[in-house]
Amino acid sequence: MPPENLQPALRQAQGKPTENFWKELFKLVLLAVVIVIPFRLYVAQPFIVDGLSMYPTFDNGHYLIIDEVSYRFREPARGDVLVFKAPPNPEKYYIKRLIGFPGETIMINDGQVTITNKENPDGFKLAEPYVKFPKDEVLTIILEENEYFVMGDNRASSSDSRVWGPLPKENIIGRPVMRFFPPALFPGDISHFEARLNANDE
């Protein structure tokens, strides 16, 4: 090949890495959009705790990852920590602990929660190892279909079902499965508190 033909070939070869870079970048961005956005919308999302209503379980500013999938396949369990659209203002998200289920009667007297349902017609006292700051009050509420009763762990400083009534099922978003700061898996899970109690008893 004559020497004068080498320069165009070199220019063409030099141009390919730039083209490949932009192609690969486009693929990477497209992949991120295809995977991350649906994941963010339908699977999990970040949540920053605002306030002290769940203290000491969660402190102000704690960064959480919320599982939005589990409750599509099963009912929440008593004691689960829920993130939900606030009934007073659906534009805001609240985080509280699940206390009562549809059809149950919730009675609070001097900080003690008593629950009456079909399985326990005489009622049972709810053990709450996560509550460090109880509040003396008297309240009775009967939950209708698709209604839940939730309260903050910091009973003395929480706007919850005692204030604005039952939580509609459709408002529930999910549950925290990870806390980044400080790190923890399934933060707020009642099993953590039960494990501490068992350790203290030994």
N, C-alpha and C. Protein backbone atom coordinates (compact mmCIF):
# COMPACT_ATOMS: atom_id res chain seq x y z
N MET A 1 0.87 -1.19 0.00
CA MET A 1 0.00 0.00 0.00
C MET A 1 0.89 1.24 0.00
N PRO A 2 0.63 2.19 -0.85
CA PRO A 2 1.45 3.40 -0.91
C PRO A 2 1.37 4.15 0.40
N PRO A 3 2.47 4.84 0.79
CA PRO A 3 2.52 5.54 2.07
C PRO A 3 1.42 6.58 2.23
N GLU A 4 1.02 7.25 1.12
CA GLU A 4 0.04 8.31 1.26
C GLU A 4 -1.32 7.78 1.71
N ASN A 5 -1.55 6.46 1.61
CA ASN A 5 -2.83 5.90 2.02
C ASN A 5 -2.89 5.53 3.51
N LEU A 6 -1.74 5.63 4.21
CA LEU A 6 -1.71 5.22 5.60
C LEU A 6 -2.41 6.21 6.52
N GLN A 7 -2.28 7.50 6.24
CA GLN A 7 -2.80 8.53 7.14
C GLN A 7 -4.31 8.46 7.31
N PRO A 8 -5.11 8.32 6.24
CA PRO A 8 -6.55 8.21 6.42
C PRO A 8 -6.95 7.00 7.26
N ALA A 9 -6.22 5.86 7.06
CA ALA A 9 -6.53 4.66 7.83
C ALA A 9 -6.25 4.89 9.31
N LEU A 10 -5.17 5.59 9.62
CA LEU A 10 -4.84 5.89 11.00
C LEU A 10 -5.88 6.81 11.62
N ARG A 11 -6.32 7.79 10.85
CA ARG A 11 -7.34 8.71 11.35
C ARG A 11 -8.63 7.97 11.66
N GLN A 12 -8.97 7.02 10.78
CA GLN A 12 -10.18 6.26 10.99
C GLN A 12 -10.07 5.38 12.23
N ALA A 13 -8.91 4.76 12.42
CA ALA A 13 -8.69 3.91 13.58
C ALA A 13 -8.72 4.74 14.87
N GLN A 14 -8.16 5.96 14.80
CA GLN A 14 -8.15 6.81 15.97
C GLN A 14 -9.56 7.30 16.33
N GLY A 15 -10.43 7.38 15.34
CA GLY A 15 -11.78 7.85 15.60
C GLY A 15 -12.67 6.79 16.24
N LYS A 16 -12.37 5.53 16.08
CA LYS A 16 -13.21 4.45 16.60
C LYS A 16 -13.30 4.41 18.13
N PRO A 17 -12.18 4.59 18.87
CA PRO A 17 -12.31 4.55 20.33
C PRO A 17 -13.30 5.57 20.87
N THR A 18 -13.34 6.77 20.29
CA THR A 18 -14.28 7.79 20.75
C THR A 18 -15.71 7.36 20.48
N GLU A 19 -15.93 6.83 19.27
CA GLU A 19 -17.27 6.36 18.93
C GLU A 19 -17.69 5.21 19.86
N ASN A 20 -16.74 4.29 20.10
CA ASN A 20 -17.05 3.16 20.98
C ASN A 20 -17.35 3.62 22.40
N PHE A 21 -16.61 4.64 22.86
CA PHE A 21 -16.82 5.17 24.20
C PHE A 21 -18.25 5.67 24.36
N TRP A 22 -18.71 6.46 23.38
CA TRP A 22 -20.06 7.02 23.48
C TRP A 22 -21.13 5.94 23.35
N LYS A 23 -20.85 4.94 22.51
CA LYS A 23 -21.79 3.83 22.39
C LYS A 23 -21.92 3.05 23.70
N GLU A 24 -20.75 2.77 24.31
CA GLU A 24 -20.76 2.03 25.57
C GLU A 24 -21.40 2.85 26.68
N LEU A 25 -21.14 4.15 26.68
CA LEU A 25 -21.75 5.02 27.68
C LEU A 25 -23.26 5.04 27.53
N PHE A 26 -23.71 5.11 26.29
CA PHE A 26 -25.15 5.11 26.03
C PHE A 26 -25.79 3.80 26.51
N LYS A 27 -25.10 2.68 26.24
CA LYS A 27 -25.61 1.38 26.68
C LYS A 27 -25.69 1.32 28.20
N LEU A 28 -24.66 1.86 28.86
CA LEU A 28 -24.62 1.84 30.31
C LEU A 28 -25.75 2.67 30.91
N VAL A 29 -25.95 3.86 30.34
CA VAL A 29 -27.03 4.73 30.82
C VAL A 29 -28.39 4.08 30.57
N LEU A 30 -28.56 3.49 29.39
CA LEU A 30 -29.82 2.83 29.06
C LEU A 30 -30.09 1.67 30.01
N LEU A 31 -29.03 0.90 30.30
CA LEU A 31 -29.18 -0.23 31.22
C LEU A 31 -29.57 0.26 32.61
N ALA A 32 -28.96 1.35 33.04
CA ALA A 32 -29.28 1.92 34.35
C ALA A 32 -30.73 2.36 34.40
N VAL A 33 -31.19 2.99 33.32
CA VAL A 33 -32.58 3.45 33.27
C VAL A 33 -33.54 2.27 33.30
N VAL A 34 -33.23 1.23 32.54
CA VAL A 34 -34.11 0.06 32.44
C VAL A 34 -34.19 -0.70 33.77
N ILE A 35 -33.05 -0.76 34.49
CA ILE A 35 -33.01 -1.55 35.72
C ILE A 35 -33.32 -0.71 36.96
N VAL A 36 -32.65 0.42 37.09
CA VAL A 36 -32.73 1.20 38.33
C VAL A 36 -34.09 1.85 38.53
N ILE A 37 -34.65 2.45 37.49
CA ILE A 37 -35.91 3.17 37.66
C ILE A 37 -37.05 2.24 38.05
N PRO A 38 -37.26 1.10 37.35
CA PRO A 38 -38.31 0.18 37.81
C PRO A 38 -38.04 -0.35 39.22
N PHE A 39 -36.76 -0.62 39.52
CA PHE A 39 -36.41 -1.09 40.86
C PHE A 39 -36.79 -0.05 41.89
N ARG A 40 -36.48 1.20 41.58
CA ARG A 40 -36.78 2.30 42.50
C ARG A 40 -38.28 2.50 42.67
N LEU A 41 -39.04 2.31 41.60
CA LEU A 41 -40.48 2.57 41.65
C LEU A 41 -41.28 1.43 42.26
N TYR A 42 -40.84 0.17 42.01
CA TYR A 42 -41.69 -0.96 42.35
C TYR A 42 -41.08 -1.95 43.34
N VAL A 43 -39.79 -1.88 43.61
CA VAL A 43 -39.14 -2.88 44.45
C VAL A 43 -38.66 -2.30 45.78
N ALA A 44 -37.86 -1.25 45.71
CA ALA A 44 -37.30 -0.66 46.93
C ALA A 44 -37.02 0.81 46.69
N GLN A 45 -37.02 1.57 47.78
CA GLN A 45 -36.72 2.98 47.67
C GLN A 45 -36.09 3.48 48.95
N PRO A 46 -35.30 4.54 48.87
CA PRO A 46 -34.68 5.09 50.08
C PRO A 46 -35.68 5.91 50.89
N PHE A 47 -35.41 6.00 52.17
CA PHE A 47 -36.28 6.75 53.08
C PHE A 47 -35.42 7.31 54.20
N ILE A 48 -35.53 8.59 54.47
CA ILE A 48 -34.78 9.23 55.55
C ILE A 48 -35.74 9.56 56.68
N VAL A 49 -35.44 9.06 57.86
CA VAL A 49 -36.29 9.30 59.02
C VAL A 49 -36.26 10.78 59.39
N ASP A 50 -37.43 11.36 59.51
CA ASP A 50 -37.55 12.77 59.87
C ASP A 50 -38.31 12.89 61.19
N GLY A 51 -37.59 13.15 62.26
CA GLY A 51 -38.24 13.27 63.55
C GLY A 51 -37.85 12.16 64.52
N LEU A 52 -38.43 12.19 65.70
CA LEU A 52 -38.07 11.27 66.78
C LEU A 52 -39.23 10.38 67.23
N SER A 53 -40.24 10.23 66.39
CA SER A 53 -41.42 9.46 66.80
C SER A 53 -41.13 7.97 66.97
N MET A 54 -40.04 7.47 66.35
CA MET A 54 -39.67 6.06 66.48
C MET A 54 -38.43 5.86 67.34
N TYR A 55 -38.01 6.89 68.03
CA TYR A 55 -36.83 6.81 68.89
C TYR A 55 -37.13 5.90 70.09
N PRO A 56 -36.19 5.05 70.55
CA PRO A 56 -34.80 4.96 70.11
C PRO A 56 -34.56 3.96 68.99
N THR A 57 -35.61 3.32 68.46
CA THR A 57 -35.42 2.35 67.37
C THR A 57 -34.81 3.02 66.15
N PHE A 58 -35.36 4.17 65.77
CA PHE A 58 -34.82 4.97 64.67
C PHE A 58 -34.64 6.40 65.15
N ASP A 59 -33.51 6.97 64.79
CA ASP A 59 -33.23 8.35 65.16
C ASP A 59 -33.45 9.26 63.97
N ASN A 60 -33.55 10.53 64.24
CA ASN A 60 -33.71 11.52 63.17
C ASN A 60 -32.52 11.45 62.22
N GLY A 61 -32.81 11.36 60.92
CA GLY A 61 -31.76 11.32 59.91
C GLY A 61 -31.29 9.94 59.51
N HIS A 62 -31.78 8.89 60.16
CA HIS A 62 -31.41 7.53 59.75
C HIS A 62 -31.83 7.29 58.30
N TYR A 63 -30.92 6.66 57.54
CA TYR A 63 -31.15 6.41 56.11
C TYR A 63 -31.55 4.95 55.94
N LEU A 64 -32.76 4.71 55.42
CA LEU A 64 -33.30 3.36 55.31
C LEU A 64 -33.59 2.98 53.86
N ILE A 65 -33.58 1.68 53.59
CA ILE A 65 -34.06 1.14 52.31
C ILE A 65 -35.37 0.41 52.60
N ILE A 66 -36.41 0.77 51.84
CA ILE A 66 -37.75 0.23 52.08
C ILE A 66 -38.10 -0.84 51.05
N ASP A 67 -38.47 -2.00 51.55
CA ASP A 67 -38.95 -3.11 50.71
C ASP A 67 -40.42 -2.86 50.36
N GLU A 68 -40.71 -2.72 49.06
CA GLU A 68 -42.07 -2.44 48.62
C GLU A 68 -42.78 -3.67 48.07
N VAL A 69 -42.12 -4.84 48.14
CA VAL A 69 -42.65 -6.04 47.48
C VAL A 69 -43.33 -7.00 48.44
N SER A 70 -42.74 -7.21 49.61
CA SER A 70 -43.18 -8.29 50.52
C SER A 70 -44.68 -8.27 50.81
N TYR A 71 -45.23 -7.10 51.07
CA TYR A 71 -46.63 -7.02 51.47
C TYR A 71 -47.59 -7.19 50.30
N ARG A 72 -47.06 -7.37 49.11
CA ARG A 72 -47.92 -7.72 47.98
C ARG A 72 -48.25 -9.21 48.00
N PHE A 73 -47.44 -9.97 48.75
CA PHE A 73 -47.60 -11.42 48.79
C PHE A 73 -48.00 -11.95 50.16
N ARG A 74 -47.90 -11.12 51.17
CA ARG A 74 -48.29 -11.55 52.52
C ARG A 74 -48.76 -10.35 53.33
N GLU A 75 -49.49 -10.65 54.39
CA GLU A 75 -49.96 -9.60 55.28
C GLU A 75 -48.82 -9.15 56.20
N PRO A 76 -48.83 -7.91 56.63
CA PRO A 76 -47.85 -7.48 57.63
C PRO A 76 -48.05 -8.26 58.92
N ALA A 77 -47.00 -8.37 59.71
CA ALA A 77 -47.08 -9.05 61.01
C ALA A 77 -47.16 -8.02 62.13
N ARG A 78 -47.79 -8.40 63.21
CA ARG A 78 -47.86 -7.49 64.35
C ARG A 78 -46.44 -7.18 64.83
N GLY A 79 -46.18 -5.92 65.04
CA GLY A 79 -44.84 -5.51 65.46
C GLY A 79 -43.96 -5.06 64.32
N ASP A 80 -44.38 -5.30 63.07
CA ASP A 80 -43.61 -4.82 61.92
C ASP A 80 -43.56 -3.29 61.93
N VAL A 81 -42.44 -2.76 61.47
CA VAL A 81 -42.33 -1.32 61.25
C VAL A 81 -42.79 -1.04 59.82
N LEU A 82 -43.74 -0.13 59.67
CA LEU A 82 -44.31 0.18 58.36
C LEU A 82 -43.94 1.59 57.92
N VAL A 83 -43.73 1.74 56.63
CA VAL A 83 -43.64 3.06 56.01
C VAL A 83 -44.89 3.21 55.15
N PHE A 84 -45.57 4.34 55.29
CA PHE A 84 -46.86 4.49 54.62
C PHE A 84 -47.15 5.95 54.31
N LYS A 85 -48.12 6.15 53.42
CA LYS A 85 -48.58 7.50 53.13
C LYS A 85 -49.42 7.98 54.31
N ALA A 86 -49.08 9.12 54.83
CA ALA A 86 -49.74 9.63 56.02
C ALA A 86 -51.21 9.94 55.74
N PRO A 87 -52.15 9.36 56.49
CA PRO A 87 -53.57 9.67 56.28
C PRO A 87 -53.89 11.16 56.36
N PRO A 88 -53.24 11.92 57.26
CA PRO A 88 -53.55 13.35 57.28
C PRO A 88 -53.09 14.09 56.02
N ASN A 89 -52.00 13.56 55.39
CA ASN A 89 -51.44 14.19 54.20
C ASN A 89 -50.71 13.14 53.37
N PRO A 90 -51.37 12.55 52.35
CA PRO A 90 -50.76 11.48 51.55
C PRO A 90 -49.49 11.89 50.81
N GLU A 91 -49.19 13.18 50.78
CA GLU A 91 -47.95 13.63 50.15
C GLU A 91 -46.74 13.32 51.03
N LYS A 92 -46.99 13.02 52.31
CA LYS A 92 -45.91 12.73 53.25
C LYS A 92 -45.87 11.24 53.57
N TYR A 93 -44.67 10.75 53.91
CA TYR A 93 -44.51 9.37 54.35
C TYR A 93 -44.25 9.37 55.86
N TYR A 94 -44.91 8.43 56.57
CA TYR A 94 -44.68 8.24 58.00
C TYR A 94 -44.06 6.87 58.22
N ILE A 95 -43.41 6.71 59.35
CA ILE A 95 -42.88 5.41 59.76
C ILE A 95 -43.36 5.13 61.19
N LYS A 96 -44.08 4.01 61.37
CA LYS A 96 -44.65 3.65 62.67
C LYS A 96 -44.63 2.12 62.81
N ARG A 97 -45.00 1.65 64.00
CA ARG A 97 -45.05 0.21 64.24
C ARG A 97 -46.50 -0.29 64.23
N LEU A 98 -46.69 -1.46 63.61
CA LEU A 98 -48.03 -2.04 63.49
C LEU A 98 -48.45 -2.68 64.81
N ILE A 99 -49.59 -2.22 65.33
CA ILE A 99 -50.09 -2.71 66.61
C ILE A 99 -51.35 -3.54 66.45
N GLY A 100 -52.31 -3.07 65.64
CA GLY A 100 -53.60 -3.75 65.54
C GLY A 100 -54.04 -4.03 64.12
N PHE A 101 -54.84 -5.10 63.96
CA PHE A 101 -55.31 -5.56 62.65
C PHE A 101 -56.81 -5.31 62.48
N PRO A 102 -57.29 -5.41 61.23
CA PRO A 102 -58.72 -5.25 60.97
C PRO A 102 -59.56 -6.18 61.84
N GLY A 103 -60.65 -5.64 62.39
CA GLY A 103 -61.54 -6.44 63.21
C GLY A 103 -61.18 -6.49 64.68
N GLU A 104 -60.03 -5.96 65.05
CA GLU A 104 -59.60 -6.00 66.45
C GLU A 104 -60.04 -4.74 67.21
N THR A 105 -60.11 -4.88 68.51
CA THR A 105 -60.36 -3.74 69.39
C THR A 105 -59.08 -3.43 70.15
N ILE A 106 -58.62 -2.20 70.05
CA ILE A 106 -57.39 -1.78 70.70
C ILE A 106 -57.75 -0.91 71.90
N MET A 107 -57.26 -1.31 73.07
CA MET A 107 -57.49 -0.53 74.29
C MET A 107 -56.14 -0.14 74.89
N ILE A 108 -56.00 1.13 75.22
CA ILE A 108 -54.78 1.63 75.85
C ILE A 108 -55.16 2.23 77.19
N ASN A 109 -54.46 1.79 78.22
CA ASN A 109 -54.73 2.30 79.57
C ASN A 109 -53.40 2.42 80.32
N ASP A 110 -53.02 3.65 80.66
CA ASP A 110 -51.76 3.90 81.36
C ASP A 110 -50.57 3.31 80.62
N GLY A 111 -50.58 3.43 79.32
CA GLY A 111 -49.44 2.97 78.52
C GLY A 111 -49.48 1.51 78.13
N GLN A 112 -50.38 0.72 78.72
CA GLN A 112 -50.49 -0.70 78.41
C GLN A 112 -51.51 -0.92 77.30
N VAL A 113 -51.09 -1.64 76.24
CA VAL A 113 -51.97 -1.95 75.11
C VAL A 113 -52.60 -3.32 75.31
N THR A 114 -53.93 -3.38 75.24
CA THR A 114 -54.66 -4.64 75.31
C THR A 114 -55.45 -4.82 74.01
N ILE A 115 -55.36 -6.02 73.43
CA ILE A 115 -55.98 -6.28 72.14
C ILE A 115 -57.01 -7.40 72.27
N THR A 116 -58.20 -7.16 71.73
CA THR A 116 -59.26 -8.16 71.72
C THR A 116 -59.57 -8.52 70.27
N ASN A 117 -59.64 -9.83 69.99
CA ASN A 117 -59.99 -10.31 68.65
C ASN A 117 -60.69 -11.66 68.77
N LYS A 118 -60.97 -12.30 67.62
CA LYS A 118 -61.69 -13.57 67.63
C LYS A 118 -60.92 -14.65 68.38
N GLU A 119 -59.61 -14.67 68.22
CA GLU A 119 -58.79 -15.67 68.88
C GLU A 119 -58.63 -15.40 70.37
N ASN A 120 -58.77 -14.14 70.75
CA ASN A 120 -58.60 -13.74 72.15
C ASN A 120 -59.77 -12.86 72.58
N PRO A 121 -60.96 -13.45 72.78
CA PRO A 121 -62.15 -12.66 73.12
C PRO A 121 -62.03 -11.94 74.47
N ASP A 122 -61.17 -12.46 75.35
CA ASP A 122 -60.97 -11.81 76.65
C ASP A 122 -59.83 -10.79 76.59
N GLY A 123 -59.18 -10.73 75.45
CA GLY A 123 -58.10 -9.77 75.27
C GLY A 123 -56.76 -10.27 75.79
N PHE A 124 -55.69 -9.72 75.24
CA PHE A 124 -54.34 -10.03 75.73
C PHE A 124 -53.52 -8.75 75.76
N LYS A 125 -52.62 -8.69 76.71
CA LYS A 125 -51.75 -7.53 76.84
C LYS A 125 -50.56 -7.67 75.90
N LEU A 126 -50.33 -6.64 75.12
CA LEU A 126 -49.26 -6.67 74.13
C LEU A 126 -47.92 -6.34 74.78
N ALA A 127 -46.97 -7.26 74.64
CA ALA A 127 -45.61 -7.01 75.12
C ALA A 127 -44.90 -6.10 74.11
N GLU A 128 -44.33 -5.03 74.60
CA GLU A 128 -43.69 -4.06 73.72
C GLU A 128 -42.29 -3.69 74.22
N PRO A 129 -41.31 -4.56 74.00
CA PRO A 129 -39.95 -4.29 74.48
C PRO A 129 -39.28 -3.12 73.80
N TYR A 130 -39.85 -2.67 72.68
CA TYR A 130 -39.26 -1.57 71.93
C TYR A 130 -39.67 -0.20 72.46
N VAL A 131 -40.64 -0.15 73.38
CA VAL A 131 -41.12 1.14 73.90
C VAL A 131 -40.31 1.53 75.14
N LYS A 132 -39.62 2.65 75.04
CA LYS A 132 -38.84 3.16 76.16
C LYS A 132 -39.50 4.37 76.82
N PHE A 133 -40.40 5.00 76.07
CA PHE A 133 -41.05 6.21 76.58
C PHE A 133 -42.56 6.08 76.45
N PRO A 134 -43.21 5.30 77.34
CA PRO A 134 -44.67 5.15 77.28
C PRO A 134 -45.38 6.44 77.66
N LYS A 135 -46.66 6.49 77.34
CA LYS A 135 -47.46 7.68 77.65
C LYS A 135 -48.73 7.24 78.36
N ASP A 136 -49.01 7.88 79.48
CA ASP A 136 -50.24 7.57 80.23
C ASP A 136 -51.44 8.15 79.50
N GLU A 137 -52.33 7.27 79.06
CA GLU A 137 -53.52 7.72 78.33
C GLU A 137 -54.56 6.62 78.33
N VAL A 138 -55.78 6.97 78.00
CA VAL A 138 -56.87 6.01 77.92
C VAL A 138 -57.52 6.15 76.55
N LEU A 139 -57.60 5.02 75.82
CA LEU A 139 -58.14 5.06 74.46
C LEU A 139 -58.70 3.69 74.10
N THR A 140 -59.83 3.67 73.40
CA THR A 140 -60.39 2.44 72.84
C THR A 140 -60.81 2.71 71.41
N ILE A 141 -60.40 1.82 70.49
CA ILE A 141 -60.76 1.99 69.09
C ILE A 141 -61.04 0.62 68.47
N ILE A 142 -62.10 0.54 67.67
CA ILE A 142 -62.46 -0.70 66.96
C ILE A 142 -62.09 -0.53 65.50
N LEU A 143 -61.29 -1.47 65.00
CA LEU A 143 -60.82 -1.39 63.62
C LEU A 143 -61.78 -2.08 62.66
N GLU A 144 -62.08 -1.40 61.57
CA GLU A 144 -62.96 -1.95 60.54
C GLU A 144 -62.12 -2.72 59.51
N GLU A 145 -62.78 -3.20 58.46
CA GLU A 145 -62.10 -3.93 57.40
C GLU A 145 -61.03 -3.05 56.75
N ASN A 146 -59.86 -3.64 56.50
CA ASN A 146 -58.73 -2.95 55.85
C ASN A 146 -58.23 -1.74 56.64
N GLU A 147 -58.39 -1.80 57.97
CA GLU A 147 -57.88 -0.74 58.83
C GLU A 147 -56.85 -1.31 59.81
N TYR A 148 -55.77 -0.57 59.99
CA TYR A 148 -54.71 -0.98 60.91
C TYR A 148 -54.47 0.11 61.94
N PHE A 149 -53.95 -0.31 63.09
CA PHE A 149 -53.62 0.64 64.15
C PHE A 149 -52.10 0.67 64.30
N VAL A 150 -51.52 1.85 64.18
CA VAL A 150 -50.06 1.99 64.25
C VAL A 150 -49.70 3.06 65.27
N MET A 151 -48.53 2.89 65.89
CA MET A 151 -48.03 3.88 66.83
C MET A 151 -46.51 3.98 66.70
N GLY A 152 -45.99 5.14 67.06
CA GLY A 152 -44.55 5.31 67.12
C GLY A 152 -44.00 4.71 68.40
N ASP A 153 -42.75 4.24 68.36
CA ASP A 153 -42.14 3.67 69.56
C ASP A 153 -41.97 4.71 70.66
N ASN A 154 -41.78 5.95 70.26
CA ASN A 154 -41.67 7.06 71.21
C ASN A 154 -43.08 7.58 71.48
N ARG A 155 -43.81 6.90 72.33
CA ARG A 155 -45.23 7.18 72.52
C ARG A 155 -45.51 8.60 72.99
N ALA A 156 -44.54 9.18 73.69
CA ALA A 156 -44.76 10.53 74.21
C ALA A 156 -44.60 11.60 73.14
N SER A 157 -44.09 11.22 71.96
CA SER A 157 -43.85 12.22 70.92
C SER A 157 -44.10 11.62 69.54
N SER A 158 -45.33 11.21 69.28
CA SER A 158 -45.65 10.58 68.00
C SER A 158 -47.07 10.91 67.58
N SER A 159 -47.22 11.37 66.35
CA SER A 159 -48.54 11.54 65.74
C SER A 159 -48.87 10.26 65.00
N ASP A 160 -49.83 9.51 65.50
CA ASP A 160 -50.11 8.19 64.94
C ASP A 160 -51.62 7.90 65.02
N SER A 161 -51.99 6.63 65.05
CA SER A 161 -53.41 6.27 65.04
C SER A 161 -54.17 6.78 66.26
N ARG A 162 -53.46 7.11 67.31
CA ARG A 162 -54.12 7.70 68.48
C ARG A 162 -54.62 9.11 68.17
N VAL A 163 -53.99 9.74 67.17
CA VAL A 163 -54.31 11.13 66.82
C VAL A 163 -55.24 11.19 65.61
N TRP A 164 -54.83 10.52 64.52
CA TRP A 164 -55.57 10.65 63.26
C TRP A 164 -56.36 9.40 62.86
N GLY A 165 -56.41 8.40 63.75
CA GLY A 165 -57.26 7.25 63.50
C GLY A 165 -56.56 6.11 62.79
N PRO A 166 -57.32 5.12 62.31
CA PRO A 166 -56.75 3.93 61.68
C PRO A 166 -55.99 4.26 60.39
N LEU A 167 -55.06 3.36 60.07
CA LEU A 167 -54.29 3.46 58.83
C LEU A 167 -54.97 2.59 57.77
N PRO A 168 -55.42 3.16 56.64
CA PRO A 168 -56.00 2.35 55.56
C PRO A 168 -54.95 1.45 54.92
N LYS A 169 -55.34 0.25 54.57
CA LYS A 169 -54.41 -0.72 54.00
C LYS A 169 -53.73 -0.18 52.74
N GLU A 170 -54.49 0.55 51.92
CA GLU A 170 -53.93 1.02 50.65
C GLU A 170 -52.83 2.06 50.83
N ASN A 171 -52.69 2.60 52.04
CA ASN A 171 -51.65 3.60 52.28
C ASN A 171 -50.29 2.98 52.58
N ILE A 172 -50.26 1.68 52.85
CA ILE A 172 -49.01 1.03 53.24
C ILE A 172 -48.06 0.93 52.04
N ILE A 173 -46.83 1.38 52.22
CA ILE A 173 -45.81 1.34 51.18
C ILE A 173 -44.92 0.11 51.33
N GLY A 174 -44.42 -0.13 52.52
CA GLY A 174 -43.52 -1.26 52.73
C GLY A 174 -42.91 -1.24 54.11
N ARG A 175 -41.77 -1.92 54.24
CA ARG A 175 -41.09 -2.03 55.53
C ARG A 175 -39.59 -1.81 55.33
N PRO A 176 -38.91 -1.29 56.34
CA PRO A 176 -37.46 -1.10 56.21
C PRO A 176 -36.73 -2.44 56.28
N VAL A 177 -35.85 -2.68 55.32
CA VAL A 177 -35.07 -3.92 55.32
C VAL A 177 -33.58 -3.65 55.54
N MET A 178 -33.18 -2.39 55.44
CA MET A 178 -31.78 -2.06 55.64
C MET A 178 -31.64 -0.64 56.16
N ARG A 179 -30.71 -0.47 57.08
CA ARG A 179 -30.36 0.87 57.55
C ARG A 179 -28.89 1.07 57.25
N PHE A 180 -28.57 2.17 56.56
CA PHE A 180 -27.18 2.44 56.19
C PHE A 180 -26.40 3.10 57.31
N PHE A 181 -27.01 4.04 57.97
CA PHE A 181 -26.30 4.80 59.00
C PHE A 181 -27.14 4.85 60.28
N PRO A 182 -26.76 4.09 61.35
CA PRO A 182 -25.73 3.04 61.38
C PRO A 182 -26.23 1.79 60.67
N PRO A 183 -25.32 0.95 60.16
CA PRO A 183 -25.72 -0.20 59.35
C PRO A 183 -26.47 -1.26 60.14
N ALA A 184 -27.53 -1.80 59.53
CA ALA A 184 -28.31 -2.88 60.15
C ALA A 184 -29.24 -3.48 59.12
N LEU A 185 -29.45 -4.80 59.21
CA LEU A 185 -30.43 -5.48 58.37
C LEU A 185 -31.72 -5.63 59.16
N PHE A 186 -32.85 -5.45 58.49
CA PHE A 186 -34.18 -5.52 59.10
C PHE A 186 -34.23 -4.72 60.40
N PRO A 187 -33.85 -3.46 60.33
CA PRO A 187 -33.86 -2.63 61.55
C PRO A 187 -35.28 -2.45 62.09
N GLY A 188 -35.41 -2.48 63.39
CA GLY A 188 -36.72 -2.33 64.01
C GLY A 188 -37.49 -3.63 64.15
N ASP A 189 -36.94 -4.73 63.58
CA ASP A 189 -37.63 -6.02 63.69
C ASP A 189 -37.75 -6.41 65.16
N ILE A 190 -38.93 -6.87 65.54
CA ILE A 190 -39.18 -7.17 66.96
C ILE A 190 -38.28 -8.28 67.47
N SER A 191 -37.79 -9.15 66.59
CA SER A 191 -36.91 -10.24 67.02
C SER A 191 -35.62 -9.71 67.64
N HIS A 192 -35.17 -8.53 67.20
CA HIS A 192 -33.96 -7.95 67.78
C HIS A 192 -34.17 -7.64 69.26
N PHE A 193 -35.34 -7.11 69.58
CA PHE A 193 -35.63 -6.75 70.97
C PHE A 193 -35.82 -8.00 71.82
N GLU A 194 -36.46 -9.02 71.24
CA GLU A 194 -36.67 -10.27 71.97
C GLU A 194 -35.33 -10.93 72.27
N ALA A 195 -34.40 -10.85 71.31
CA ALA A 195 -33.07 -11.43 71.52
C ALA A 195 -32.34 -10.72 72.67
N ARG A 196 -32.50 -9.41 72.74
CA ARG A 196 -31.86 -8.65 73.83
C ARG A 196 -32.46 -9.04 75.17
N LEU A 197 -33.79 -9.21 75.21
CA LEU A 197 -34.43 -9.60 76.46
C LEU A 197 -33.95 -10.97 76.92
N ASN A 198 -33.85 -11.92 75.97
CA ASN A 198 -33.38 -13.25 76.31
C ASN A 198 -31.95 -13.22 76.82
N ALA A 199 -31.13 -12.37 76.20
CA ALA A 199 -29.74 -12.25 76.63
C ALA A 199 -29.65 -11.68 78.04
N ASN A 200 -30.53 -10.74 78.35
CA ASN A 200 -30.53 -10.14 79.69
C ASN A 200 -31.03 -11.11 80.75
N ASP A 201 -31.90 -12.05 80.34
CA ASP A 201 -32.46 -13.01 81.29
C ASP A 201 -31.45 -14.09 81.67
N GLU A 202 -30.47 -14.30 80.78
CA GLU A 202 -29.51 -15.39 81.02
C GLU A 202 -28.45 -14.99 82.04
